[in-house]
Amino acid sequence: MAEPESLETAAEHERILREVDSTDPACIGPTLRSVYDGEEHGRFMEKLDARIRNHDREIEKMCNFHYQGFVDAITEFLKVRAEAQKLKNQVTDTNRKLQVESKKLVGAMEELKQCRLQQRNISVTVDKLTQCLPVLEMDSKLREQMRSKRHYPALKTLEHLEHMYLPQVSHYRFCKVMTDSIPTLREEIKELSMSDLKDFLESIRKHSDKIGETAMKQAQQQRNLDSIVSQPSKSGSRRPKKDVSASSEPEVKNSSPVSEQDSGILDVEDEEEEEEEVPGAQDLVDFSPVYRCLHIYSVLGAQETFEHYYRKQRRKQARLVLQPSSNMHETLGGYRKYFNQIVGFFVIEDHILHTTQGLVDRAYIDELWDLALSKTIAALRTHSSYCSDPTLVLDLKNLIVLFADTLQGYGFPVNQLFDLLLEIRDQYSETLLKTWAGAFRNILDSDNYSPIPVASEELYQKMVGQFPFHDAELEKQPFPKKFPFSEFVPRVYNQIKEFIYACLKFSEDLHLSSTEVDDMIRKSTNLLLTRTLSNSLQAAIKRRNIGLTELVQIIINTTHLEKSCRFLEEFITNITNVLPETVHTTKLYGTTTFKDARHAAEEEIYTNLNQKIDQFLQLADYDWMAMEGGSKASDYLVDLVAFLRSTFAVFTHLPGKVAQTACMSACKHLSTSLMQLLLEAEVRQLSLGALQQFNLDVEECEQFARSGPVPGFQGDTLQLAFIDLRQLLDLFLQWDWSTYLADYGQPNCKYLRVNPATALILLEKMRDASRKNNVFAQFRKNEREKQKLIDTVAKQLRSLINSHHS
């Protein structure tokens, strides 16, 4: 089995050697790999060495066969090399000579070539530049126009360049670049024109208040001209200037909330400035950016885009303009700036409406105005509510009227603004009432509550000029003499007139009828009288430590003010020219106000008198166990009667009924207080001597009542105030129990005013005192009988009381 395997291996080695001979060396790797994959590579190496020796012998045979020819060829080659070197030297020498000889010619030819080339290029360049130069000139012109912001001419130049010039040189690369840049330039022109529009919008936003101020000055000048023309017909309803200087009252000049001079809306320094012509909006604003931008967008077919942008931006600006500052209500300047901005905004829009076609329309303007009107009214309603200064409210009203007149001149409806002014009128009345409340309070606090003395006829006439007063008896008296009222009467009267003037000022320029003005003034004056002045008078009457003299003077003063109400009616009629007989005329309620104040003062007098009486009674120091009474009335009661006499002497100027009522009230209170003093629980025992002293005091009071401290009482009317005390004391001092018990219940009985319960209380106090004083004498027969009598009377009194209750 070993021999076939060696034959097979030998055949494989032979095949591999043939492949090695015939295969490219780069691809011999797989062949050699098959040798190493087997296990007979040593034997293969022996065969490979044998094959190599074989090839070496063949090469040696080949070399030996061609050797002579090789030697001959080398010999021939050596001979040719020598001749070739010689030829090379000759060619090199000839070339050097030729180069030297042709160098000048080559230079001349090169120069000629360059000249011809330059000449041809110049000619072509001139031709091409002749074609391109107009295009470049137009492009330069376009750039210059864009730099100078002449956007519409630049747009025209761009159209000419695109349609007339560039097609002629379209094969040049720079023309293609220019053609490609035309849309960009067109957009750049749009953006630049839009940038100018934005600058314009920003400018008018910043300067709209100046434009509005100018427009309002024009309206003010027109109003002044109209007022000059119509002044003769209205002079009767104006307040004369001399009315102010005629009044010497300090509060009229200083504390009056509204001065006589109307507060000006415009700060005019002199008459020359007023006469200068005020420029219009078109003189203050350059509208050309709007027109140019509109034209450019129209040419570019984007007018709707432009209109939408313009309206959108202006709406945003409108919202900013209509947003008031938070402290606008503090000064008139805040309101003026707010109004100027709004007027400036709509003056510009009105100008745009009438100078362009389609950029804005009437519907757009009306929409903006409706928005502005609602926001303006809301802002004014809010901010004016913070204002407590009537002068500022009046100035605001004048400013609103001027604002409304200005915009009405441009065709905007302003009825809602005048409706707002009617609301502000109510607020103005409230601020006036608050301010006048302070003025009245100052007048009442600073008054001396003494009749006004006058030492000469001049002073007398001056006072009569301030307050309508006529008294024939006072006029006949020699100087010096006194008016019955104090200073606060003419001062309050003049303040009421000043209030009426202040109300009249607000009604000016509101397009109200005389009847409406009259009604407004009367209603406001009624509020002043019935609320403000009434509260001030009530507060003055109710304040602490007010004396009877002051209360008496207040009653006198209110009486004269009540009489002056008809003069106030005539005063209002004169300034409004509305007769009081008119059906809808409101009547003044001043009479009621002063009557109420007078009644309050009367009640305060009664209360004050009673308090004084109580203070004197607190000084009473009775010895309720005295064995016998004194010889005269108690000191405290003598002092009390003296006080009452001096007090009622002051009541001479009071209406008779008031003085009588005060006197009767004081006597009744004194009688009641003395009765309470006698019956109070702390007094447990009471002697006959104490009753005798008490009787002397009551007799002193009766003597005072009989003396007639106040005229007008009939008979013993005033003495009846002490009838209860008198009958009670007579019953005990006379010990007339048989008459009392027998006649009790009869209409004409002697002791009709004595109540059994009161008599029983007093009797028990006397019984207790009698028992204490006679403790060792109780076995005496007289004393025992007296005690039995007291017990019997007490028993009968209880029986009367029980029968009365049943």
Foldseek 3Di string as FASTA:
>chain_A
DVVVVVVVVVVLLVVLVVCVVVPDPVPNVVSVVVLVVDDPVVVSVVVVVVVVVVVVVVVVVVCVVCVVVVVVVVVVVVVVVVVVVVVVVVVVVVVVVVCVVCVVVVVVVVVVVVVVVVVVVVVVVVVVCVLCVVLVVLVVVLVVCVVVLVLVVSVVSLVCSQPPRLVSVVPDPVSVVVNVCSVVVLVVSLVSLVVVVVVQLVVLLVCLLVQLVLLLLVLVLVVVVVCVVCVVVQVLLADDPVVQVLDPDPCSCPLQLDDNDQDDPDDDDDPVVSPDDRDHPVVVGPCVSVVSSCVSCVVVVNNVVVLVVVLVSLLVSLVVLLDADPCLLVAVVSVSSSLSNNSSSLSVVLVCAVPDPPSDHPVSSLVSVVVSLVSNLVVCVVSLLPDLRLSRLLSVLVSLLSSCSSVVVSVDDDVVSLVSLVVSLVVSLVSSLVSVLVVLLVLLVPWPLAFAWDADPVVVVSVCVLAVDDDPVQVPDHPGDTDLATPSLSVVVVSLVSLLVSLLSSPPSSPDALQVSQQSSQVSSQCSQQPRNLVSLLCSLPDPPDDLSNLLNLLVSLVRSLVCQVVVVVVSCSSSVDDCVDPPGDGHPNNVSSVVSNVSSLVSLLVVLLVVLVVLVVPDDFPQLDQAADDAADPSLVVNLVVVLVSLVSNPPPPQVSSVVSLLSNLLSNLVVLLCVLLPPVLQAGEPRRLVNSVRSLVVSQVSQVVCSGPDDDDSVSSVSNLLVVLLSCCVNVVPLVQCLVCPPPPPGPNPSYQLVSSLSNLSNHLVSLCVVCVVVCPPPVSVVVNVVSVVSNVSSVVVVVVVVD
